[in-house]
């Protein structure tokens, strides 16, 4: 009797496989393509950027519970990294996955950086957010992928040259999956409050007050965390200023310091 092998996540990859690994986890409804500028800049590292289940070229994969997601990401690191470990960088939803990875598979994490992500919501705020998403699901289904791409680009101030990329990602993503992922993102957050893994929490200066308050909370909750704010930049600042993002990642990975041009985020 034969069984069909489980599908694997689509992977964007660059650099020398023998070099230290950096794993990039995208936000939702984006895909691993959002990290293209960083994969092109950080040539001295082995860069890995998967499309998480339900996204991009992995859109045919069913979404999975967070425990399974941690196992999938940890297995990817062990399989593709020369050392079996990686520095991990997460944006928004990807930052939630990074938090779960630190908690559930810390042995594969050298250091972590997440940007524009959330801490665990209070029960009341979680209920409000769930209702908000359910109300908006029918609206998302009525919009064409190109419209959704332009809406996301406008909302997050993403440069125009990336709009076609967003449209492609929207074509592959089911609005129902988008809602499921966002519910998981905010209702199943596992912030480790006893880790000693170095963590950098970044947030754009033009992010929402909610996003900035979540960054403050994460810096308070995670023992080895440092925080930075990026003046003048928004949620998807790796596309707004790719060079700065690469500089921050490189500086953090090398010596766990905040680049001199940026100020620590005041708690």
C-alpha atoms as a PDB file:
ATOM      1  CA  UNK A   1       0.000   0.000   0.000  1.00  0.00           C
ATOM      2  CA  UNK A   2       1.340   3.430  -0.941  1.00  0.00           C
ATOM      3  CA  UNK A   3       0.426   6.804   0.460  1.00  0.00           C
ATOM      4  CA  UNK A   4       0.780  10.187  -1.143  1.00  0.00           C
ATOM      5  CA  UNK A   5       3.622  12.201   0.412  1.00  0.00           C
ATOM      6  CA  UNK A   6       2.614  15.339   2.272  1.00  0.00           C
ATOM      7  CA  UNK A   7       3.167  18.479   0.198  1.00  0.00           C
ATOM      8  CA  UNK A   8       6.037  20.707   1.285  1.00  0.00           C
ATOM      9  CA  UNK A   9       6.102  24.471   1.499  1.00  0.00           C
ATOM     10  CA  UNK A  10       7.323  26.336  -1.559  1.00  0.00           C
ATOM     11  CA  UNK A  11      10.719  27.848  -0.772  1.00  0.00           C
ATOM     12  CA  UNK A  12      12.631  30.871  -2.055  1.00  0.00           C
ATOM     13  CA  UNK A  13      16.329  30.469  -1.365  1.00  0.00           C
ATOM     14  CA  UNK A  14      19.537  32.415  -1.927  1.00  0.00           C
ATOM     15  CA  UNK A  15      23.186  32.433  -0.842  1.00  0.00           C
ATOM     16  CA  UNK A  16      25.699  29.774   0.060  1.00  0.00           C
ATOM     17  CA  UNK A  17      24.089  26.700   1.708  1.00  0.00           C
ATOM     18  CA  UNK A  18      27.180  26.426   3.928  1.00  0.00           C
ATOM     19  CA  UNK A  19      26.744  29.980   5.290  1.00  0.00           C
ATOM     20  CA  UNK A  20      24.780  30.862   8.445  1.00  0.00           C
ATOM     21  CA  UNK A  21      21.058  30.630   7.739  1.00  0.00           C
ATOM     22  CA  UNK A  22      18.399  33.324   8.039  1.00  0.00           C
ATOM     23  CA  UNK A  23      14.788  32.186   7.784  1.00  0.00           C
ATOM     24  CA  UNK A  24      12.229  34.830   6.749  1.00  0.00           C
ATOM     25  CA  UNK A  25       8.525  34.289   7.516  1.00  0.00           C
ATOM     26  CA  UNK A  26       6.052  36.504   5.681  1.00  0.00           C
ATOM     27  CA  UNK A  27       2.924  38.296   6.789  1.00  0.00           C
ATOM     28  CA  UNK A  28      -0.568  37.429   5.569  1.00  0.00           C
ATOM     29  CA  UNK A  29      -1.926  37.645   2.885  1.00  0.00           C
ATOM     30  CA  UNK A  30       1.573  38.088   1.441  1.00  0.00           C
ATOM     31  CA  UNK A  31       4.031  35.327   0.537  1.00  0.00           C
ATOM     32  CA  UNK A  32       7.751  34.579   0.671  1.00  0.00           C
ATOM     33  CA  UNK A  33       8.143  36.879  -2.345  1.00  0.00           C
ATOM     34  CA  UNK A  34       7.904  39.867  -0.001  1.00  0.00           C
ATOM     35  CA  UNK A  35      11.471  39.085   1.089  1.00  0.00           C
ATOM     36  CA  UNK A  36      12.979  39.272  -2.409  1.00  0.00           C
ATOM     37  CA  UNK A  37      14.924  42.516  -1.705  1.00  0.00           C
ATOM     38  CA  UNK A  38      16.456  40.984   1.420  1.00  0.00           C
ATOM     39  CA  UNK A  39      17.354  37.727  -0.329  1.00  0.00           C
ATOM     40  CA  UNK A  40      19.153  39.814  -2.963  1.00  0.00           C
ATOM     41  CA  UNK A  41      20.955  41.999  -0.374  1.00  0.00           C
ATOM     42  CA  UNK A  42      22.072  39.525   2.292  1.00  0.00           C
ATOM     43  CA  UNK A  43      24.316  37.532  -0.030  1.00  0.00           C
ATOM     44  CA  UNK A  44      26.718  36.483   2.731  1.00  0.00           C
ATOM     45  CA  UNK A  45      23.963  34.384   4.340  1.00  0.00           C
ATOM     46  CA  UNK A  46      21.932  31.357   3.333  1.00  0.00           C
ATOM     47  CA  UNK A  47      18.484  32.971   3.104  1.00  0.00           C
ATOM     48  CA  UNK A  48      15.296  30.898   3.232  1.00  0.00           C
ATOM     49  CA  UNK A  49      11.806  32.312   2.645  1.00  0.00           C
ATOM     50  CA  UNK A  50       8.975  29.757   2.488  1.00  0.00           C
ATOM     51  CA  UNK A  51       5.412  30.364   1.402  1.00  0.00           C
ATOM     52  CA  UNK A  52       3.482  29.309   4.497  1.00  0.00           C
ATOM     53  CA  UNK A  53       0.475  26.968   4.021  1.00  0.00           C
ATOM     54  CA  UNK A  54      -2.422  28.693   2.266  1.00  0.00           C
ATOM     55  CA  UNK A  55      -0.197  31.436   0.837  1.00  0.00           C
ATOM     56  CA  UNK A  56       1.528  32.082  -2.468  1.00  0.00           C
ATOM     57  CA  UNK A  57       2.789  28.926  -4.176  1.00  0.00           C
ATOM     58  CA  UNK A  58       1.755  26.956  -1.064  1.00  0.00           C
ATOM     59  CA  UNK A  59      -1.887  28.008  -1.483  1.00  0.00           C
ATOM     60  CA  UNK A  60      -2.940  24.422  -2.252  1.00  0.00           C
ATOM     61  CA  UNK A  61      -1.752  23.351   1.202  1.00  0.00           C
ATOM     62  CA  UNK A  62      -4.364  23.420   3.944  1.00  0.00           C
ATOM     63  CA  UNK A  63      -3.767  25.734   6.857  1.00  0.00           C
ATOM     64  CA  UNK A  64      -2.535  23.902   9.941  1.00  0.00           C
ATOM     65  CA  UNK A  65      -2.718  24.405  13.725  1.00  0.00           C
ATOM     66  CA  UNK A  66       0.169  26.357  15.207  1.00  0.00           C
ATOM     67  CA  UNK A  67       1.770  23.251  16.751  1.00  0.00           C
ATOM     68  CA  UNK A  68       1.975  21.688  13.286  1.00  0.00           C
ATOM     69  CA  UNK A  69       3.276  24.936  11.822  1.00  0.00           C
ATOM     70  CA  UNK A  70       6.106  24.960  14.363  1.00  0.00           C
ATOM     71  CA  UNK A  71       7.020  21.386  13.432  1.00  0.00           C
ATOM     72  CA  UNK A  72       7.015  22.248   9.711  1.00  0.00           C
ATOM     73  CA  UNK A  73       9.197  25.323  10.130  1.00  0.00           C
ATOM     74  CA  UNK A  74      11.601  23.561  12.504  1.00  0.00           C
ATOM     75  CA  UNK A  75      11.913  20.657  10.043  1.00  0.00           C
ATOM     76  CA  UNK A  76      12.690  23.120   7.242  1.00  0.00           C
ATOM     77  CA  UNK A  77      15.477  24.708   9.294  1.00  0.00           C
ATOM     78  CA  UNK A  78      16.966  21.336  10.202  1.00  0.00           C
ATOM     79  CA  UNK A  79      16.829  20.179   6.576  1.00  0.00           C
ATOM     80  CA  UNK A  80      18.169  23.303   4.860  1.00  0.00           C
ATOM     81  CA  UNK A  81      20.530  24.900   7.392  1.00  0.00           C
ATOM     82  CA  UNK A  82      24.104  23.605   7.595  1.00  0.00           C
ATOM     83  CA  UNK A  83      24.068  23.965  11.386  1.00  0.00           C
ATOM     84  CA  UNK A  84      20.479  22.838  11.935  1.00  0.00           C
ATOM     85  CA  UNK A  85      19.739  26.300  13.336  1.00  0.00           C
ATOM     86  CA  UNK A  86      18.796  29.687  11.884  1.00  0.00           C
ATOM     87  CA  UNK A  87      18.308  33.317  12.707  1.00  0.00           C
ATOM     88  CA  UNK A  88      14.571  33.854  12.189  1.00  0.00           C
ATOM     89  CA  UNK A  89      12.844  37.013  10.978  1.00  0.00           C
ATOM     90  CA  UNK A  90       9.049  37.308  11.007  1.00  0.00           C
ATOM     91  CA  UNK A  91       6.681  39.973   9.739  1.00  0.00           C
ATOM     92  CA  UNK A  92       3.163  40.325  11.185  1.00  0.00           C
ATOM     93  CA  UNK A  93       1.662  36.795  10.946  1.00  0.00           C
ATOM     94  CA  UNK A  94       5.191  35.488  10.409  1.00  0.00           C
ATOM     95  CA  UNK A  95       6.148  37.136  13.705  1.00  0.00           C
ATOM     96  CA  UNK A  96       3.429  35.144  15.464  1.00  0.00           C
ATOM     97  CA  UNK A  97       4.902  31.954  13.981  1.00  0.00           C
ATOM     98  CA  UNK A  98       8.375  33.012  15.154  1.00  0.00           C
ATOM     99  CA  UNK A  99       7.053  33.488  18.694  1.00  0.00           C
ATOM    100  CA  UNK A 100       5.571  29.984  18.600  1.00  0.00           C
ATOM    101  CA  UNK A 101       8.838  28.610  17.199  1.00  0.00           C
ATOM    102  CA  UNK A 102      10.822  30.132  20.074  1.00  0.00           C
ATOM    103  CA  UNK A 103       8.408  28.528  22.503  1.00  0.00           C
ATOM    104  CA  UNK A 104       7.989  25.150  20.805  1.00  0.00           C
ATOM    105  CA  UNK A 105      11.335  24.486  19.089  1.00  0.00           C
ATOM    106  CA  UNK A 106      13.941  26.822  20.626  1.00  0.00           C
ATOM    107  CA  UNK A 107      16.754  24.434  19.644  1.00  0.00           C
ATOM    108  CA  UNK A 108      16.542  25.591  15.997  1.00  0.00           C
ATOM    109  CA  UNK A 109      16.616  29.360  16.739  1.00  0.00           C
ATOM    110  CA  UNK A 110      19.889  31.308  16.940  1.00  0.00           C
ATOM    111  CA  UNK A 111      18.217  34.692  17.326  1.00  0.00           C
ATOM    112  CA  UNK A 112      14.914  36.247  16.378  1.00  0.00           C
ATOM    113  CA  UNK A 113      13.564  39.475  14.956  1.00  0.00           C
ATOM    114  CA  UNK A 114       9.928  40.289  14.404  1.00  0.00           C
ATOM    115  CA  UNK A 115       8.273  43.374  12.987  1.00  0.00           C
ATOM    116  CA  UNK A 116       4.699  44.649  13.095  1.00  0.00           C
ATOM    117  CA  UNK A 117       3.459  41.631  15.027  1.00  0.00           C
ATOM    118  CA  UNK A 118       1.205  41.185  18.021  1.00  0.00           C
ATOM    119  CA  UNK A 119       1.335  39.991  21.590  1.00  0.00           C
ATOM    120  CA  UNK A 120      -1.530  37.863  22.925  1.00  0.00           C
ATOM    121  CA  UNK A 121      -4.825  39.770  23.007  1.00  0.00           C
ATOM    122  CA  UNK A 122      -7.060  40.025  26.020  1.00  0.00           C
ATOM    123  CA  UNK A 123     -10.144  37.759  25.844  1.00  0.00           C
ATOM    124  CA  UNK A 124     -12.342  40.804  25.168  1.00  0.00           C
ATOM    125  CA  UNK A 125     -10.159  42.135  22.333  1.00  0.00           C
ATOM    126  CA  UNK A 126      -9.911  38.635  20.853  1.00  0.00           C
ATOM    127  CA  UNK A 127     -13.726  38.410  20.694  1.00  0.00           C
ATOM    128  CA  UNK A 128     -13.957  41.859  19.092  1.00  0.00           C
ATOM    129  CA  UNK A 129     -11.340  40.963  16.495  1.00  0.00           C
ATOM    130  CA  UNK A 130     -13.075  37.664  15.675  1.00  0.00           C
ATOM    131  CA  UNK A 131     -16.397  39.430  15.065  1.00  0.00           C
ATOM    132  CA  UNK A 132     -14.649  42.082  12.935  1.00  0.00           C
ATOM    133  CA  UNK A 133     -13.067  39.445  10.688  1.00  0.00           C
ATOM    134  CA  UNK A 134     -16.287  37.466  10.290  1.00  0.00           C
ATOM    135  CA  UNK A 135     -18.130  40.636   9.258  1.00  0.00           C
ATOM    136  CA  UNK A 136     -15.494  41.456   6.654  1.00  0.00           C
ATOM    137  CA  UNK A 137     -15.201  37.949   5.150  1.00  0.00           C
ATOM    138  CA  UNK A 138     -18.148  38.420   2.698  1.00  0.00           C
ATOM    139  CA  UNK A 139     -16.679  41.751   1.560  1.00  0.00           C
ATOM    140  CA  UNK A 140     -13.317  40.135   0.841  1.00  0.00           C
ATOM    141  CA  UNK A 141     -15.030  37.462  -1.250  1.00  0.00           C
ATOM    142  CA  UNK A 142     -16.723  40.114  -3.417  1.00  0.00           C
ATOM    143  CA  UNK A 143     -13.483  41.912  -4.274  1.00  0.00           C
ATOM    144  CA  UNK A 144     -11.298  40.924  -7.213  1.00  0.00           C
ATOM    145  CA  UNK A 145      -7.683  39.908  -6.397  1.00  0.00           C
ATOM    146  CA  UNK A 146      -6.340  43.027  -8.112  1.00  0.00           C
ATOM    147  CA  UNK A 147      -8.604  45.190  -5.964  1.00  0.00           C
ATOM    148  CA  UNK A 148      -7.472  43.423  -2.809  1.00  0.00           C
ATOM    149  CA  UNK A 149      -3.851  43.905  -3.840  1.00  0.00           C
ATOM    150  CA  UNK A 150      -4.346  47.636  -4.348  1.00  0.00           C
ATOM    151  CA  UNK A 151      -6.239  47.886  -1.041  1.00  0.00           C
ATOM    152  CA  UNK A 152      -3.431  46.163   0.877  1.00  0.00           C
ATOM    153  CA  UNK A 153      -0.828  48.325  -0.877  1.00  0.00           C
ATOM    154  CA  UNK A 154      -2.754  51.495   0.003  1.00  0.00           C
ATOM    155  CA  UNK A 155      -3.412  50.455   3.604  1.00  0.00           C
ATOM    156  CA  UNK A 156       0.211  49.565   4.304  1.00  0.00           C
ATOM    157  CA  UNK A 157       1.864  52.189   2.041  1.00  0.00           C
ATOM    158  CA  UNK A 158       3.578  49.531  -0.068  1.00  0.00           C
ATOM    159  CA  UNK A 159       5.486  50.994  -3.048  1.00  0.00           C
ATOM    160  CA  UNK A 160       3.669  50.800  -6.398  1.00  0.00           C
ATOM    161  CA  UNK A 161       6.265  48.523  -7.985  1.00  0.00           C
ATOM    162  CA  UNK A 162       5.147  45.686  -5.699  1.00  0.00           C
ATOM    163  CA  UNK A 163       1.400  45.929  -6.482  1.00  0.00           C
ATOM    164  CA  UNK A 164       1.551  43.272  -9.216  1.00  0.00           C
ATOM    165  CA  UNK A 165       3.244  40.924  -6.755  1.00  0.00           C
ATOM    166  CA  UNK A 166       0.428  41.544  -4.266  1.00  0.00           C
ATOM    167  CA  UNK A 167      -2.158  40.899  -6.965  1.00  0.00           C
ATOM    168  CA  UNK A 168      -0.515  37.556  -7.771  1.00  0.00           C
ATOM    169  CA  UNK A 169      -0.583  36.559  -4.095  1.00  0.00           C
ATOM    170  CA  UNK A 170      -4.260  37.529  -3.831  1.00  0.00           C
ATOM    171  CA  UNK A 171      -5.172  35.414  -6.858  1.00  0.00           C
ATOM    172  CA  UNK A 172      -3.791  32.346  -5.103  1.00  0.00           C
ATOM    173  CA  UNK A 173      -5.339  32.987  -1.699  1.00  0.00           C
ATOM    174  CA  UNK A 174      -8.884  32.107  -0.699  1.00  0.00           C
ATOM    175  CA  UNK A 175     -10.485  34.942   1.355  1.00  0.00           C
ATOM    176  CA  UNK A 176     -11.780  32.279   3.763  1.00  0.00           C
ATOM    177  CA  UNK A 177      -8.188  31.136   4.334  1.00  0.00           C
ATOM    178  CA  UNK A 178      -7.148  34.750   4.889  1.00  0.00           C
ATOM    179  CA  UNK A 179      -9.706  35.058   7.700  1.00  0.00           C
ATOM    180  CA  UNK A 180      -8.690  31.689   9.189  1.00  0.00           C
ATOM    181  CA  UNK A 181      -5.025  32.716   9.221  1.00  0.00           C
ATOM    182  CA  UNK A 182      -5.725  36.085  10.820  1.00  0.00           C
ATOM    183  CA  UNK A 183      -7.881  34.435  13.478  1.00  0.00           C
ATOM    184  CA  UNK A 184      -5.032  32.053  14.232  1.00  0.00           C
ATOM    185  CA  UNK A 185      -2.611  34.967  14.170  1.00  0.00           C
ATOM    186  CA  UNK A 186      -4.381  36.840  16.932  1.00  0.00           C
ATOM    187  CA  UNK A 187      -6.030  34.057  18.926  1.00  0.00           C
ATOM    188  CA  UNK A 188      -3.162  31.560  19.175  1.00  0.00           C
ATOM    189  CA  UNK A 189      -0.164  33.699  20.080  1.00  0.00           C
ATOM    190  CA  UNK A 190       2.467  32.012  22.239  1.00  0.00           C
ATOM    191  CA  UNK A 191       4.907  34.548  23.589  1.00  0.00           C
ATOM    192  CA  UNK A 192       7.713  32.869  25.511  1.00  0.00           C
ATOM    193  CA  UNK A 193       8.358  34.735  28.750  1.00  0.00           C
ATOM    194  CA  UNK A 194      11.316  32.628  29.888  1.00  0.00           C
ATOM    195  CA  UNK A 195      13.445  32.404  26.736  1.00  0.00           C
ATOM    196  CA  UNK A 196      17.034  33.619  26.654  1.00  0.00           C
ATOM    197  CA  UNK A 197      17.141  33.712  22.859  1.00  0.00           C
ATOM    198  CA  UNK A 198      18.073  37.255  21.731  1.00  0.00           C
ATOM    199  CA  UNK A 199      14.977  38.946  20.289  1.00  0.00           C
ATOM    200  CA  UNK A 200      14.615  42.236  18.411  1.00  0.00           C
ATOM    201  CA  UNK A 201      11.121  43.736  18.230  1.00  0.00           C
ATOM    202  CA  UNK A 202      10.726  46.321  15.452  1.00  0.00           C
ATOM    203  CA  UNK A 203       7.778  48.574  14.678  1.00  0.00           C
ATOM    204  CA  UNK A 204       7.256  51.329  12.127  1.00  0.00           C
ATOM    205  CA  UNK A 205       6.791  54.844  13.420  1.00  0.00           C
ATOM    206  CA  UNK A 206       3.723  55.167  11.150  1.00  0.00           C
ATOM    207  CA  UNK A 207       2.182  51.928  12.375  1.00  0.00           C
ATOM    208  CA  UNK A 208      -1.165  52.088  14.189  1.00  0.00           C
ATOM    209  CA  UNK A 209      -1.229  52.901  17.910  1.00  0.00           C
ATOM    210  CA  UNK A 210      -2.358  49.289  18.448  1.00  0.00           C
ATOM    211  CA  UNK A 211       0.737  47.931  16.658  1.00  0.00           C
ATOM    212  CA  UNK A 212       3.047  50.196  18.629  1.00  0.00           C
ATOM    213  CA  UNK A 213       1.427  49.168  21.923  1.00  0.00           C
ATOM    214  CA  UNK A 214       1.873  45.499  20.983  1.00  0.00           C
ATOM    215  CA  UNK A 215       5.587  46.132  20.325  1.00  0.00           C
ATOM    216  CA  UNK A 216       5.946  47.688  23.774  1.00  0.00           C
ATOM    217  CA  UNK A 217       4.213  44.719  25.369  1.00  0.00           C
ATOM    218  CA  UNK A 218       6.467  42.206  23.597  1.00  0.00           C
ATOM    219  CA  UNK A 219       9.615  44.033  24.730  1.00  0.00           C
ATOM    220  CA  UNK A 220       8.312  43.962  28.303  1.00  0.00           C
ATOM    221  CA  UNK A 221       7.297  40.305  28.209  1.00  0.00           C
ATOM    222  CA  UNK A 222      10.326  38.722  26.536  1.00  0.00           C
ATOM    223  CA  UNK A 223      13.364  38.740  28.880  1.00  0.00           C
ATOM    224  CA  UNK A 224      16.113  39.110  26.248  1.00  0.00           C
ATOM    225  CA  UNK A 225      14.167  41.444  23.940  1.00  0.00           C
ATOM    226  CA  UNK A 226      15.241  44.821  22.615  1.00  0.00           C
ATOM    227  CA  UNK A 227      12.975  47.167  20.670  1.00  0.00           C
ATOM    228  CA  UNK A 228      13.404  49.697  17.875  1.00  0.00           C
ATOM    229  CA  UNK A 229      11.051  52.089  16.134  1.00  0.00           C
ATOM    230  CA  UNK A 230      11.518  53.041  12.482  1.00  0.00           C
ATOM    231  CA  UNK A 231      10.643  56.738  12.054  1.00  0.00           C
ATOM    232  CA  UNK A 232       8.551  57.517   8.992  1.00  0.00           C
ATOM    233  CA  UNK A 233       7.962  53.874   8.033  1.00  0.00           C
ATOM    234  CA  UNK A 234       4.876  51.687   8.160  1.00  0.00           C
ATOM    235  CA  UNK A 235       3.823  48.092   8.486  1.00  0.00           C
ATOM    236  CA  UNK A 236       5.658  46.558   5.506  1.00  0.00           C
ATOM    237  CA  UNK A 237       8.835  48.601   5.872  1.00  0.00           C
ATOM    238  CA  UNK A 238      11.050  45.895   4.399  1.00  0.00           C
ATOM    239  CA  UNK A 239       9.545  46.949   1.037  1.00  0.00           C
ATOM    240  CA  UNK A 240       9.472  50.666   1.839  1.00  0.00           C
ATOM    241  CA  UNK A 241      13.169  50.760   2.718  1.00  0.00           C
ATOM    242  CA  UNK A 242      14.759  47.415   1.748  1.00  0.00           C
ATOM    243  CA  UNK A 243      18.314  48.648   2.348  1.00  0.00           C
ATOM    244  CA  UNK A 244      17.556  49.734   5.915  1.00  0.00           C
ATOM    245  CA  UNK A 245      15.786  46.463   6.653  1.00  0.00           C
ATOM    246  CA  UNK A 246      18.795  44.478   5.421  1.00  0.00           C
ATOM    247  CA  UNK A 247      21.104  46.673   7.517  1.00  0.00           C
ATOM    248  CA  UNK A 248      19.023  46.051  10.639  1.00  0.00           C
ATOM    249  CA  UNK A 249      18.947  42.285  10.051  1.00  0.00           C
ATOM    250  CA  UNK A 250      22.694  42.147   9.340  1.00  0.00           C
ATOM    251  CA  UNK A 251      23.621  44.198  12.423  1.00  0.00           C
ATOM    252  CA  UNK A 252      21.324  42.176  14.671  1.00  0.00           C
ATOM    253  CA  UNK A 253      22.536  38.808  13.405  1.00  0.00           C
ATOM    254  CA  UNK A 254      26.217  39.744  13.726  1.00  0.00           C
ATOM    255  CA  UNK A 255      26.346  41.306  17.180  1.00  0.00           C
ATOM    256  CA  UNK A 256      22.788  41.550  18.531  1.00  0.00           C
ATOM    257  CA  UNK A 257      22.985  45.334  18.596  1.00  0.00           C
ATOM    258  CA  UNK A 258      20.633  48.009  17.315  1.00  0.00           C
ATOM    259  CA  UNK A 259      22.043  49.937  14.317  1.00  0.00           C
ATOM    260  CA  UNK A 260      23.512  53.258  15.418  1.00  0.00           C
ATOM    261  CA  UNK A 261      21.162  55.231  13.169  1.00  0.00           C
ATOM    262  CA  UNK A 262      18.126  53.998  15.112  1.00  0.00           C
ATOM    263  CA  UNK A 263      16.946  54.657  18.629  1.00  0.00           C
ATOM    264  CA  UNK A 264      15.731  52.016  21.082  1.00  0.00           C
ATOM    265  CA  UNK A 265      11.960  51.870  21.392  1.00  0.00           C
ATOM    266  CA  UNK A 266      10.945  53.480  24.661  1.00  0.00           C
ATOM    267  CA  UNK A 267       8.842  51.195  26.843  1.00  0.00           C
END
